[in-house]
C-alpha atoms as a PDB file:
ATOM      1  CA  UNK A   1      91.131 230.545 134.495  1.00  0.00           C
ATOM      2  CA  UNK A   2      90.715 231.636 137.950  1.00  0.00           C
ATOM      3  CA  UNK A   3      92.933 232.256 141.324  1.00  0.00           C
ATOM      4  CA  UNK A   4      91.269 230.940 144.440  1.00  0.00           C
ATOM      5  CA  UNK A   5      92.194 229.833 147.777  1.00  0.00           C
ATOM      6  CA  UNK A   6      93.270 226.374 148.453  1.00  0.00           C
ATOM      7  CA  UNK A   7      90.581 226.109 151.118  1.00  0.00           C
ATOM      8  CA  UNK A   8      87.869 227.094 148.938  1.00  0.00           C
ATOM      9  CA  UNK A   9      89.082 224.590 146.405  1.00  0.00           C
ATOM     10  CA  UNK A  10      89.000 221.781 148.931  1.00  0.00           C
ATOM     11  CA  UNK A  11      86.130 222.443 150.261  1.00  0.00           C
ATOM     12  CA  UNK A  12      84.341 222.686 146.678  1.00  0.00           C
ATOM     13  CA  UNK A  13      85.863 219.267 145.358  1.00  0.00           C
ATOM     14  CA  UNK A  14      87.093 217.369 148.432  1.00  0.00           C
ATOM     15  CA  UNK A  15      86.012 218.633 151.871  1.00  0.00           C
ATOM     16  CA  UNK A  16      87.265 215.471 153.365  1.00  0.00           C
ATOM     17  CA  UNK A  17      90.719 216.445 152.573  1.00  0.00           C
ATOM     18  CA  UNK A  18      90.302 219.986 154.462  1.00  0.00           C
ATOM     19  CA  UNK A  19      91.501 218.769 158.054  1.00  0.00           C
ATOM     20  CA  UNK A  20      94.800 217.557 156.690  1.00  0.00           C
ATOM     21  CA  UNK A  21      96.089 220.750 155.887  1.00  0.00           C
ATOM     22  CA  UNK A  22      97.817 223.440 157.684  1.00  0.00           C
ATOM     23  CA  UNK A  23      96.279 226.855 158.025  1.00  0.00           C
ATOM     24  CA  UNK A  24      99.173 228.568 155.747  1.00  0.00           C
ATOM     25  CA  UNK A  25      98.501 225.655 153.070  1.00  0.00           C
ATOM     26  CA  UNK A  26      94.663 226.356 152.863  1.00  0.00           C
ATOM     27  CA  UNK A  27      95.390 230.190 152.716  1.00  0.00           C
ATOM     28  CA  UNK A  28      97.574 229.607 149.568  1.00  0.00           C
ATOM     29  CA  UNK A  29      96.339 230.901 146.601  1.00  0.00           C
ATOM     30  CA  UNK A  30      96.389 228.421 143.264  1.00  0.00           C
ATOM     31  CA  UNK A  31      95.271 228.617 139.681  1.00  0.00           C
ATOM     32  CA  UNK A  32      92.511 226.753 138.450  1.00  0.00           C
ATOM     33  CA  UNK A  33      91.509 226.606 134.511  1.00  0.00           C
ATOM     34  CA  UNK A  34      88.385 224.657 134.898  1.00  0.00           C
ATOM     35  CA  UNK A  35      87.053 223.704 138.362  1.00  0.00           C
ATOM     36  CA  UNK A  36      84.502 221.163 136.801  1.00  0.00           C
ATOM     37  CA  UNK A  37      87.213 219.450 134.912  1.00  0.00           C
ATOM     38  CA  UNK A  38      89.098 218.651 138.123  1.00  0.00           C
ATOM     39  CA  UNK A  39      89.359 215.009 139.499  1.00  0.00           C
ATOM     40  CA  UNK A  40      90.653 213.558 142.824  1.00  0.00           C
ATOM     41  CA  UNK A  41      94.280 213.235 141.214  1.00  0.00           C
ATOM     42  CA  UNK A  42      94.425 216.846 140.161  1.00  0.00           C
ATOM     43  CA  UNK A  43      93.727 218.080 143.747  1.00  0.00           C
ATOM     44  CA  UNK A  44      96.241 215.491 145.341  1.00  0.00           C
ATOM     45  CA  UNK A  45      98.720 216.970 142.995  1.00  0.00           C
ATOM     46  CA  UNK A  46      97.697 220.635 143.540  1.00  0.00           C
ATOM     47  CA  UNK A  47      98.072 219.736 147.457  1.00  0.00           C
ATOM     48  CA  UNK A  48     101.295 217.952 147.223  1.00  0.00           C
ATOM     49  CA  UNK A  49     102.849 221.127 145.399  1.00  0.00           C
ATOM     50  CA  UNK A  50     101.484 223.363 148.098  1.00  0.00           C
ATOM     51  CA  UNK A  51     102.954 221.262 151.007  1.00  0.00           C
ATOM     52  CA  UNK A  52     106.233 221.142 148.988  1.00  0.00           C
ATOM     53  CA  UNK A  53     106.058 225.032 148.687  1.00  0.00           C
ATOM     54  CA  UNK A  54     105.505 225.599 152.289  1.00  0.00           C
ATOM     55  CA  UNK A  55     107.740 223.135 153.678  1.00  0.00           C
ATOM     56  CA  UNK A  56     110.741 224.587 155.492  1.00  0.00           C
ATOM     57  CA  UNK A  57     113.984 222.739 155.616  1.00  0.00           C
ATOM     58  CA  UNK A  58     114.897 223.893 159.239  1.00  0.00           C
ATOM     59  CA  UNK A  59     118.424 222.243 159.026  1.00  0.00           C
ATOM     60  CA  UNK A  60     119.815 223.681 156.069  1.00  0.00           C
END
C-alpha cells in the first residue's frame, strides 16, 4: 500500500479527468494498494468518495 495525492493518481491513470476536480480534491491523500491493478471503475469510485468527503452542505 502507498499513499499519494489524488492529483498524482489521476495524472498517472486518467489525465483527462484532472480538469474536472477542484484543487482541494486534487490535493487529497488517497491510499492505493496496487497502482497497476486500478481500472477506470476504481478511479471513478475514488473520485466519487473524494468529492463526497469534501462536499460541504452549506444549509445544514
